[in-house]
Full PDB file with SEQRES, HELIX, SHEET, SSBOND, CRYST1, ORIGX, SCALE, CONECT and MASTER records, all heavy atoms in Angstrom:
SEQRES   1 A   34  LEU LYS LYS LEU ARG LEU ASN HIS ASN ARG PHE GLU GLU          
SEQRES   2 A   34  SER ALA ALA VAL PHE PHE LYS GLY ALA LEU MET GLU ASN          
SEQRES   3 A   34  GLU SER LEU GLU VAL LEU ASP LEU                              
HELIX    1 AA1 GLU A   13  GLU A   25  1                                  13    
SHEET    1 AA1 2 LYS A   3  ARG A   5  0                                        
SHEET    2 AA1 2 VAL A  31  ASP A  33  1                                        
CRYST1    1.000    1.000    1.000  90.00  90.00  90.00 P 1           1          
ORIGX1      1.000000  0.000000  0.000000        0.00000                         
ORIGX2      0.000000  1.000000  0.000000        0.00000                         
ORIGX3      0.000000  0.000000  1.000000        0.00000                         
SCALE1      1.000000  0.000000  0.000000        0.00000                         
SCALE2      0.000000  1.000000  0.000000        0.00000                         
SCALE3      0.000000  0.000000  1.000000        0.00000                         
ATOM      1  N   LEU A   1      -8.693  24.494  20.653  1.00  0.00           N  
ATOM      2  CA  LEU A   1      -7.786  23.542  21.257  1.00  0.00           C  
ATOM      3  C   LEU A   1      -8.072  23.341  22.765  1.00  0.00           C  
ATOM      4  O   LEU A   1      -8.135  24.300  23.530  1.00  0.00           O  
ATOM      5  CB  LEU A   1      -6.336  24.050  21.084  1.00  0.00           C  
ATOM      6  CG  LEU A   1      -5.201  23.096  21.402  1.00  0.00           C  
ATOM      7  CD1 LEU A   1      -5.210  21.868  20.468  1.00  0.00           C  
ATOM      8  CD2 LEU A   1      -3.863  23.830  21.325  1.00  0.00           C  
ATOM      9  N   LYS A   2      -8.198  22.081  23.161  1.00  0.00           N  
ATOM     10  CA  LYS A   2      -8.512  21.756  24.563  1.00  0.00           C  
ATOM     11  C   LYS A   2      -7.296  21.117  25.272  1.00  0.00           C  
ATOM     12  O   LYS A   2      -7.133  21.308  26.480  1.00  0.00           O  
ATOM     13  CB  LYS A   2      -9.680  20.774  24.646  1.00  0.00           C  
ATOM     14  CG  LYS A   2     -10.944  21.278  24.011  1.00  0.00           C  
ATOM     15  CD  LYS A   2     -11.504  22.496  24.723  1.00  0.00           C  
ATOM     16  CE  LYS A   2     -12.802  22.941  24.079  1.00  0.00           C  
ATOM     17  NZ  LYS A   2     -13.181  24.295  24.527  1.00  0.00           N  
ATOM     18  N   LYS A   3      -6.496  20.338  24.541  1.00  0.00           N  
ATOM     19  CA  LYS A   3      -5.365  19.670  25.172  1.00  0.00           C  
ATOM     20  C   LYS A   3      -4.109  19.878  24.345  1.00  0.00           C  
ATOM     21  O   LYS A   3      -4.131  19.631  23.129  1.00  0.00           O  
ATOM     22  CB  LYS A   3      -5.636  18.153  25.313  1.00  0.00           C  
ATOM     23  CG  LYS A   3      -6.800  17.835  26.224  1.00  0.00           C  
ATOM     24  CD  LYS A   3      -7.029  16.328  26.272  1.00  0.00           C  
ATOM     25  CE  LYS A   3      -8.220  15.955  27.112  1.00  0.00           C  
ATOM     26  NZ  LYS A   3      -8.500  14.513  27.141  1.00  0.00           N  
ATOM     27  N   LEU A   4      -3.036  20.300  24.986  1.00  0.00           N  
ATOM     28  CA  LEU A   4      -1.760  20.464  24.321  1.00  0.00           C  
ATOM     29  C   LEU A   4      -0.658  19.826  25.177  1.00  0.00           C  
ATOM     30  O   LEU A   4      -0.473  20.212  26.339  1.00  0.00           O  
ATOM     31  CB  LEU A   4      -1.470  21.976  24.116  1.00  0.00           C  
ATOM     32  CG  LEU A   4      -0.116  22.331  23.463  1.00  0.00           C  
ATOM     33  CD1 LEU A   4      -0.029  21.719  22.052  1.00  0.00           C  
ATOM     34  CD2 LEU A   4       0.046  23.834  23.428  1.00  0.00           C  
ATOM     35  N   ARG A   5       0.006  18.884  24.577  1.00  0.00           N  
ATOM     36  CA  ARG A   5       1.086  18.184  25.296  1.00  0.00           C  
ATOM     37  C   ARG A   5       2.444  18.525  24.672  1.00  0.00           C  
ATOM     38  O   ARG A   5       2.707  18.245  23.516  1.00  0.00           O  
ATOM     39  CB  ARG A   5       0.850  16.673  25.261  1.00  0.00           C  
ATOM     40  CG  ARG A   5      -0.489  16.298  25.944  1.00  0.00           C  
ATOM     41  CD  ARG A   5      -0.679  14.798  26.095  1.00  0.00           C  
ATOM     42  NE  ARG A   5      -2.009  14.512  26.573  1.00  0.00           N  
ATOM     43  CZ  ARG A   5      -2.404  14.628  27.859  1.00  0.00           C  
ATOM     44  NH1 ARG A   5      -1.543  15.051  28.759  1.00  0.00           N  
ATOM     45  NH2 ARG A   5      -3.642  14.341  28.218  1.00  0.00           N  
ATOM     46  N   LEU A   6       3.276  19.148  25.511  1.00  0.00           N  
ATOM     47  CA  LEU A   6       4.616  19.578  25.067  1.00  0.00           C  
ATOM     48  C   LEU A   6       5.679  19.059  26.045  1.00  0.00           C  
ATOM     49  O   LEU A   6       6.757  19.628  26.178  1.00  0.00           O  
ATOM     50  CB  LEU A   6       4.677  21.111  25.008  1.00  0.00           C  
ATOM     51  CG  LEU A   6       3.780  21.790  23.976  1.00  0.00           C  
ATOM     52  CD1 LEU A   6       3.729  23.299  24.218  1.00  0.00           C  
ATOM     53  CD2 LEU A   6       4.290  21.483  22.572  1.00  0.00           C  
ATOM     54  N   ASN A   7       5.392  17.959  26.725  1.00  0.00           N  
ATOM     55  CA  ASN A   7       6.335  17.413  27.686  1.00  0.00           C  
ATOM     56  C   ASN A   7       7.546  16.781  27.024  1.00  0.00           C  
ATOM     57  O   ASN A   7       7.531  16.484  25.818  1.00  0.00           O  
ATOM     58  CB  ASN A   7       5.624  16.374  28.620  1.00  0.00           C  
ATOM     59  CG  ASN A   7       4.771  15.384  27.866  1.00  0.00           C  
ATOM     60  OD1 ASN A   7       3.967  15.762  27.021  1.00  0.00           O  
ATOM     61  ND2 ASN A   7       4.958  14.123  28.174  1.00  0.00           N  
ATOM     62  N   HIS A   8       8.604  16.610  27.766  1.00  0.00           N  
ATOM     63  CA  HIS A   8       9.874  16.028  27.303  1.00  0.00           C  
ATOM     64  C   HIS A   8      10.417  16.784  26.084  1.00  0.00           C  
ATOM     65  O   HIS A   8      10.828  16.155  25.083  1.00  0.00           O  
ATOM     66  CB  HIS A   8       9.678  14.530  26.946  1.00  0.00           C  
ATOM     67  CG  HIS A   8       9.505  13.676  28.167  1.00  0.00           C  
ATOM     68  ND1 HIS A   8      10.584  13.172  28.869  1.00  0.00           N  
ATOM     69  CD2 HIS A   8       8.399  13.244  28.802  1.00  0.00           C  
ATOM     70  CE1 HIS A   8      10.135  12.459  29.879  1.00  0.00           C  
ATOM     71  NE2 HIS A   8       8.806  12.483  29.871  1.00  0.00           N  
ATOM     72  N   ASN A   9      10.435  18.090  26.189  1.00  0.00           N  
ATOM     73  CA  ASN A   9      11.079  18.916  25.143  1.00  0.00           C  
ATOM     74  C   ASN A   9      12.176  19.720  25.758  1.00  0.00           C  
ATOM     75  O   ASN A   9      12.733  19.311  26.776  1.00  0.00           O  
ATOM     76  CB  ASN A   9      10.009  19.775  24.431  1.00  0.00           C  
ATOM     77  CG  ASN A   9       9.272  18.961  23.355  1.00  0.00           C  
ATOM     78  OD1 ASN A   9       9.840  18.524  22.390  1.00  0.00           O  
ATOM     79  ND2 ASN A   9       7.973  18.736  23.598  1.00  0.00           N  
ATOM     80  N   ARG A  10      12.535  20.869  25.178  1.00  0.00           N  
ATOM     81  CA  ARG A  10      13.701  21.627  25.622  1.00  0.00           C  
ATOM     82  C   ARG A  10      13.361  23.067  26.065  1.00  0.00           C  
ATOM     83  O   ARG A  10      14.188  23.959  25.867  1.00  0.00           O  
ATOM     84  CB  ARG A  10      14.750  21.636  24.530  1.00  0.00           C  
ATOM     85  CG  ARG A  10      15.264  20.237  24.215  1.00  0.00           C  
ATOM     86  CD  ARG A  10      16.263  20.241  23.073  1.00  0.00           C  
ATOM     87  NE  ARG A  10      16.831  18.905  22.863  1.00  0.00           N  
ATOM     88  CZ  ARG A  10      17.650  18.592  21.877  1.00  0.00           C  
ATOM     89  NH1 ARG A  10      17.983  19.514  21.010  1.00  0.00           N  
ATOM     90  NH2 ARG A  10      18.117  17.368  21.773  1.00  0.00           N  
ATOM     91  N   PHE A  11      12.158  23.271  26.558  1.00  0.00           N  
ATOM     92  CA  PHE A  11      11.783  24.601  27.023  1.00  0.00           C  
ATOM     93  C   PHE A  11      12.515  24.955  28.279  1.00  0.00           C  
ATOM     94  O   PHE A  11      12.666  24.097  29.181  1.00  0.00           O  
ATOM     95  CB  PHE A  11      10.264  24.658  27.252  1.00  0.00           C  
ATOM     96  CG  PHE A  11       9.460  24.520  26.002  1.00  0.00           C  
ATOM     97  CD1 PHE A  11       8.653  23.419  25.797  1.00  0.00           C  
ATOM     98  CD2 PHE A  11       9.504  25.509  25.018  1.00  0.00           C  
ATOM     99  CE1 PHE A  11       7.906  23.310  24.630  1.00  0.00           C  
ATOM    100  CE2 PHE A  11       8.773  25.376  23.842  1.00  0.00           C  
ATOM    101  CZ  PHE A  11       7.967  24.273  23.659  1.00  0.00           C  
ATOM    102  N   GLU A  12      12.934  26.206  28.390  1.00  0.00           N  
ATOM    103  CA  GLU A  12      13.617  26.697  29.589  1.00  0.00           C  
ATOM    104  C   GLU A  12      12.903  27.891  30.155  1.00  0.00           C  
ATOM    105  O   GLU A  12      11.770  28.216  29.771  1.00  0.00           O  
ATOM    106  CB  GLU A  12      15.093  27.009  29.229  1.00  0.00           C  
ATOM    107  CG  GLU A  12      15.851  25.789  28.752  1.00  0.00           C  
ATOM    108  CD  GLU A  12      17.319  26.053  28.460  1.00  0.00           C  
ATOM    109  OE1 GLU A  12      17.804  27.103  28.855  1.00  0.00           O  
ATOM    110  OE2 GLU A  12      17.916  25.196  27.786  1.00  0.00           O  
ATOM    111  N   GLU A  13      13.549  28.578  31.077  1.00  0.00           N  
ATOM    112  CA  GLU A  13      12.917  29.681  31.794  1.00  0.00           C  
ATOM    113  C   GLU A  13      12.349  30.750  30.887  1.00  0.00           C  
ATOM    114  O   GLU A  13      11.269  31.282  31.136  1.00  0.00           O  
ATOM    115  CB  GLU A  13      13.922  30.318  32.772  1.00  0.00           C  
ATOM    116  CG  GLU A  13      13.351  31.391  33.614  1.00  0.00           C  
ATOM    117  CD  GLU A  13      14.384  31.988  34.582  1.00  0.00           C  
ATOM    118  OE1 GLU A  13      15.089  31.210  35.269  1.00  0.00           O  
ATOM    119  OE2 GLU A  13      14.458  33.229  34.635  1.00  0.00           O  
ATOM    120  N   SER A  14      13.064  31.099  29.820  1.00  0.00           N  
ATOM    121  CA  SER A  14      12.558  32.169  28.943  1.00  0.00           C  
ATOM    122  C   SER A  14      11.236  31.798  28.273  1.00  0.00           C  
ATOM    123  O   SER A  14      10.385  32.654  28.029  1.00  0.00           O  
ATOM    124  CB  SER A  14      13.603  32.536  27.874  1.00  0.00           C  
ATOM    125  OG  SER A  14      13.899  31.436  27.059  1.00  0.00           O  
ATOM    126  N   ALA A  15      11.022  30.521  28.025  1.00  0.00           N  
ATOM    127  CA  ALA A  15       9.730  30.066  27.461  1.00  0.00           C  
ATOM    128  C   ALA A  15       8.622  30.172  28.497  1.00  0.00           C  
ATOM    129  O   ALA A  15       7.470  30.428  28.130  1.00  0.00           O  
ATOM    130  CB  ALA A  15       9.859  28.631  26.969  1.00  0.00           C  
ATOM    131  N   ALA A  16       8.964  30.024  29.755  1.00  0.00           N  
ATOM    132  CA  ALA A  16       7.953  30.079  30.821  1.00  0.00           C  
ATOM    133  C   ALA A  16       7.264  31.420  30.847  1.00  0.00           C  
ATOM    134  O   ALA A  16       6.072  31.515  31.166  1.00  0.00           O  
ATOM    135  CB  ALA A  16       8.600  29.777  32.160  1.00  0.00           C  
ATOM    136  N   VAL A  17       7.955  32.473  30.470  1.00  0.00           N  
ATOM    137  CA  VAL A  17       7.382  33.828  30.429  1.00  0.00           C  
ATOM    138  C   VAL A  17       6.200  33.832  29.452  1.00  0.00           C  
ATOM    139  O   VAL A  17       5.117  34.373  29.774  1.00  0.00           O  
ATOM    140  CB  VAL A  17       8.437  34.873  30.007  1.00  0.00           C  
ATOM    141  CG1 VAL A  17       7.784  36.246  29.820  1.00  0.00           C  
ATOM    142  CG2 VAL A  17       9.567  34.933  30.989  1.00  0.00           C  
ATOM    143  N   PHE A  18       6.391  33.237  28.271  1.00  0.00           N  
ATOM    144  CA  PHE A  18       5.359  33.199  27.252  1.00  0.00           C  
ATOM    145  C   PHE A  18       4.199  32.267  27.628  1.00  0.00           C  
ATOM    146  O   PHE A  18       3.021  32.618  27.400  1.00  0.00           O  
ATOM    147  CB  PHE A  18       5.942  32.792  25.916  1.00  0.00           C  
ATOM    148  CG  PHE A  18       6.858  33.815  25.342  1.00  0.00           C  
ATOM    149  CD1 PHE A  18       8.267  33.635  25.460  1.00  0.00           C  
ATOM    150  CD2 PHE A  18       6.420  34.944  24.698  1.00  0.00           C  
ATOM    151  CE1 PHE A  18       9.138  34.560  24.929  1.00  0.00           C  
ATOM    152  CE2 PHE A  18       7.302  35.895  24.190  1.00  0.00           C  
ATOM    153  CZ  PHE A  18       8.654  35.721  24.309  1.00  0.00           C  
ATOM    154  N   PHE A  19       4.527  31.152  28.245  1.00  0.00           N  
ATOM    155  CA  PHE A  19       3.478  30.239  28.660  1.00  0.00           C  
ATOM    156  C   PHE A  19       2.645  30.855  29.799  1.00  0.00           C  
ATOM    157  O   PHE A  19       1.452  30.658  29.877  1.00  0.00           O  
ATOM    158  CB  PHE A  19       4.023  28.882  29.070  1.00  0.00           C  
ATOM    159  CG  PHE A  19       4.429  28.018  27.910  1.00  0.00           C  
ATOM    160  CD1 PHE A  19       5.742  27.692  27.654  1.00  0.00           C  
ATOM    161  CD2 PHE A  19       3.474  27.598  26.980  1.00  0.00           C  
ATOM    162  CE1 PHE A  19       6.121  26.928  26.578  1.00  0.00           C  
ATOM    163  CE2 PHE A  19       3.805  26.794  25.911  1.00  0.00           C  
ATOM    164  CZ  PHE A  19       5.165  26.487  25.676  1.00  0.00           C  
ATOM    165  N   LYS A  20       3.313  31.601  30.685  1.00  0.00           N  
ATOM    166  CA  LYS A  20       2.584  32.321  31.751  1.00  0.00           C  
ATOM    167  C   LYS A  20       1.532  33.245  31.143  1.00  0.00           C  
ATOM    168  O   LYS A  20       0.379  33.237  31.512  1.00  0.00           O  
ATOM    169  CB  LYS A  20       3.559  33.105  32.627  1.00  0.00           C  
ATOM    170  CG  LYS A  20       2.831  34.011  33.623  1.00  0.00           C  
ATOM    171  CD  LYS A  20       3.794  34.923  34.369  1.00  0.00           C  
ATOM    172  CE  LYS A  20       3.008  35.905  35.247  1.00  0.00           C  
ATOM    173  NZ  LYS A  20       3.940  36.824  35.967  1.00  0.00           N  
ATOM    174  N   GLY A  21       1.969  34.058  30.183  1.00  0.00           N  
ATOM    175  CA  GLY A  21       1.039  34.982  29.508  1.00  0.00           C  
ATOM    176  C   GLY A  21      -0.097  34.266  28.830  1.00  0.00           C  
ATOM    177  O   GLY A  21      -1.257  34.694  28.907  1.00  0.00           O  
ATOM    178  N   ALA A  22       0.207  33.141  28.204  1.00  0.00           N  
ATOM    179  CA  ALA A  22      -0.811  32.355  27.514  1.00  0.00           C  
ATOM    180  C   ALA A  22      -1.827  31.808  28.518  1.00  0.00           C  
ATOM    181  O   ALA A  22      -3.019  31.822  28.265  1.00  0.00           O  
ATOM    182  CB  ALA A  22      -0.185  31.240  26.719  1.00  0.00           C  
ATOM    183  N   LEU A  23      -1.327  31.292  29.645  1.00  0.00           N  
ATOM    184  CA  LEU A  23      -2.203  30.744  30.677  1.00  0.00           C  
ATOM    185  C   LEU A  23      -3.147  31.833  31.222  1.00  0.00           C  
ATOM    186  O   LEU A  23      -4.329  31.570  31.518  1.00  0.00           O  
ATOM    187  CB  LEU A  23      -1.388  30.135  31.813  1.00  0.00           C  
ATOM    188  CG  LEU A  23      -0.710  28.807  31.533  1.00  0.00           C  
ATOM    189  CD1 LEU A  23       0.287  28.486  32.625  1.00  0.00           C  
ATOM    190  CD2 LEU A  23      -1.752  27.696  31.415  1.00  0.00           C  
ATOM    191  N   MET A  24      -2.651  33.034  31.327  1.00  0.00           N  
ATOM    192  CA  MET A  24      -3.442  34.111  31.866  1.00  0.00           C  
ATOM    193  C   MET A  24      -4.556  34.569  30.920  1.00  0.00           C  
ATOM    194  O   MET A  24      -5.592  35.045  31.327  1.00  0.00           O  
ATOM    195  CB  MET A  24      -2.535  35.285  32.227  1.00  0.00           C  
ATOM    196  CG  MET A  24      -1.592  34.992  33.377  1.00  0.00           C  
ATOM    197  SD  MET A  24      -0.369  36.286  33.637  1.00  0.00           S  
ATOM    198  CE  MET A  24      -1.388  37.583  34.352  1.00  0.00           C  
ATOM    199  N   GLU A  25      -4.315  34.414  29.607  1.00  0.00           N  
ATOM    200  CA  GLU A  25      -5.261  34.923  28.621  1.00  0.00           C  
ATOM    201  C   GLU A  25      -6.128  33.874  27.975  1.00  0.00           C  
ATOM    202  O   GLU A  25      -7.229  34.207  27.486  1.00  0.00           O  
ATOM    203  CB  GLU A  25      -4.486  35.698  27.553  1.00  0.00           C  
ATOM    204  CG  GLU A  25      -3.814  36.959  28.075  1.00  0.00           C  
ATOM    205  CD  GLU A  25      -3.179  37.761  26.959  1.00  0.00           C  
ATOM    206  OE1 GLU A  25      -3.888  38.082  25.975  1.00  0.00           O  
ATOM    207  OE2 GLU A  25      -1.980  38.074  27.057  1.00  0.00           O  
ATOM    208  N   ASN A  26      -5.674  32.635  27.896  1.00  0.00           N  
ATOM    209  CA  ASN A  26      -6.436  31.590  27.227  1.00  0.00           C  
ATOM    210  C   ASN A  26      -7.718  31.261  28.005  1.00  0.00           C  
ATOM    211  O   ASN A  26      -7.720  31.135  29.210  1.00  0.00           O  
ATOM    212  CB  ASN A  26      -5.615  30.313  27.064  1.00  0.00           C  
ATOM    213  CG  ASN A  26      -6.323  29.252  26.298  1.00  0.00           C  
ATOM    214  OD1 ASN A  26      -7.157  28.547  26.860  1.00  0.00           O  
ATOM    215  ND2 ASN A  26      -6.004  29.119  25.020  1.00  0.00           N  
ATOM    216  N   GLU A  27      -8.804  31.095  27.268  1.00  0.00           N  
ATOM    217  CA  GLU A  27     -10.097  30.807  27.877  1.00  0.00           C  
ATOM    218  C   GLU A  27     -10.713  29.484  27.475  1.00  0.00           C  
ATOM    219  O   GLU A  27     -11.853  29.209  27.768  1.00  0.00           O  
ATOM    220  CB  GLU A  27     -11.100  31.950  27.582  1.00  0.00           C  
ATOM    221  CG  GLU A  27     -10.643  33.272  28.159  1.00  0.00           C  
ATOM    222  CD  GLU A  27     -11.608  34.408  27.844  1.00  0.00           C  
ATOM    223  OE1 GLU A  27     -12.568  34.160  27.073  1.00  0.00           O  
ATOM    224  OE2 GLU A  27     -11.380  35.521  28.341  1.00  0.00           O  
ATOM    225  N   SER A  28      -9.942  28.662  26.742  1.00  0.00           N  
ATOM    226  CA  SER A  28     -10.495  27.395  26.255  1.00  0.00           C  
ATOM    227  C   SER A  28      -9.667  26.154  26.598  1.00  0.00           C  
ATOM    228  O   SER A  28     -10.201  25.063  26.728  1.00  0.00           O  
ATOM    229  CB  SER A  28     -10.688  27.488  24.744  1.00  0.00           C  
ATOM    230  OG  SER A  28      -9.444  27.731  24.099  1.00  0.00           O  
ATOM    231  N   LEU A  29      -8.363  26.317  26.789  1.00  0.00           N  
ATOM    232  CA  LEU A  29      -7.501  25.167  27.022  1.00  0.00           C  
ATOM    233  C   LEU A  29      -7.823  24.535  28.372  1.00  0.00           C  
ATOM    234  O   LEU A  29      -8.037  25.218  29.366  1.00  0.00           O  
ATOM    235  CB  LEU A  29      -6.037  25.606  27.019  1.00  0.00           C  
ATOM    236  CG  LEU A  29      -4.989  24.486  26.895  1.00  0.00           C  
ATOM    237  CD1 LEU A  29      -5.031  23.869  25.516  1.00  0.00           C  
ATOM    238  CD2 LEU A  29      -3.587  25.015  27.157  1.00  0.00           C  
ATOM    239  N   GLU A  30      -7.913  23.199  28.406  1.00  0.00           N  
ATOM    240  CA  GLU A  30      -8.210  22.477  29.621  1.00  0.00           C  
ATOM    241  C   GLU A  30      -6.997  21.730  30.169  1.00  0.00           C  
ATOM    242  O   GLU A  30      -6.886  21.541  31.381  1.00  0.00           O  
ATOM    243  CB  GLU A  30      -9.353  21.485  29.366  1.00  0.00           C  
ATOM    244  CG  GLU A  30     -10.674  22.159  28.987  1.00  0.00           C  
ATOM    245  CD  GLU A  30     -11.759  21.211  28.597  1.00  0.00           C  
ATOM    246  OE1 GLU A  30     -11.521  20.001  28.555  1.00  0.00           O  
ATOM    247  OE2 GLU A  30     -12.841  21.700  28.233  1.00  0.00           O  
ATOM    248  N   VAL A  31      -6.112  21.257  29.297  1.00  0.00           N  
ATOM    249  CA  VAL A  31      -4.933  20.513  29.704  1.00  0.00           C  
ATOM    250  C   VAL A  31      -3.700  21.049  29.000  1.00  0.00           C  
ATOM    251  O   VAL A  31      -3.701  21.177  27.771  1.00  0.00           O  
ATOM    252  CB  VAL A  31      -5.079  18.997  29.390  1.00  0.00           C  
ATOM    253  CG1 VAL A  31      -3.771  18.265  29.719  1.00  0.00           C  
ATOM    254  CG2 VAL A  31      -6.241  18.399  30.164  1.00  0.00           C  
ATOM    255  N   LEU A  32      -2.666  21.371  29.759  1.00  0.00           N  
ATOM    256  CA  LEU A  32      -1.390  21.767  29.209  1.00  0.00           C  
ATOM    257  C   LEU A  32      -0.303  20.980  29.937  1.00  0.00           C  
ATOM    258  O   LEU A  32      -0.154  21.094  31.155  1.00  0.00           O  
ATOM    259  CB  LEU A  32      -1.147  23.292  29.416  1.00  0.00           C  
ATOM    260  CG  LEU A  32       0.240  23.796  28.939  1.00  0.00           C  
ATOM    261  CD1 LEU A  32       0.393  23.604  27.447  1.00  0.00           C  
ATOM    262  CD2 LEU A  32       0.386  25.284  29.289  1.00  0.00           C  
ATOM    263  N   ASP A  33       0.385  20.145  29.188  1.00  0.00           N  
ATOM    264  CA  ASP A  33       1.447  19.294  29.787  1.00  0.00           C  
ATOM    265  C   ASP A  33       2.824  19.831  29.363  1.00  0.00           C  
ATOM    266  O   ASP A  33       3.196  19.765  28.200  1.00  0.00           O  
ATOM    267  CB  ASP A  33       1.282  17.821  29.343  1.00  0.00           C  
ATOM    268  CG  ASP A  33       2.182  16.896  30.115  1.00  0.00           C  
ATOM    269  OD1 ASP A  33       3.142  17.367  30.797  1.00  0.00           O  
ATOM    270  OD2 ASP A  33       1.974  15.677  30.034  1.00  0.00           O  
ATOM    271  N   LEU A  34       3.501  20.405  30.339  1.00  0.00           N  
ATOM    272  CA  LEU A  34       4.855  20.944  30.089  1.00  0.00           C  
ATOM    273  C   LEU A  34       5.880  20.217  30.981  1.00  0.00           C  
ATOM    274  O   LEU A  34       6.984  20.715  31.200  1.00  0.00           O  
ATOM    275  CB  LEU A  34       4.865  22.451  30.443  1.00  0.00           C  
ATOM    276  CG  LEU A  34       4.040  23.362  29.562  1.00  0.00           C  
ATOM    277  CD1 LEU A  34       3.917  24.746  30.170  1.00  0.00           C  
ATOM    278  CD2 LEU A  34       4.647  23.437  28.174  1.00  0.00           C  
TER     279      LEU A  34                                                      
MASTER        0    0    0    1    2    0    0    6  278    1    0    3          
END                                                                             
């Protein structure tokens, strides 16, 4: 996966914790739209 668009949804602060971890570990994603 290179591009993942999840904009205009209902993610809140608790989801940011998981996305932070994913950003730190993922080595292939180029675009993430939150």
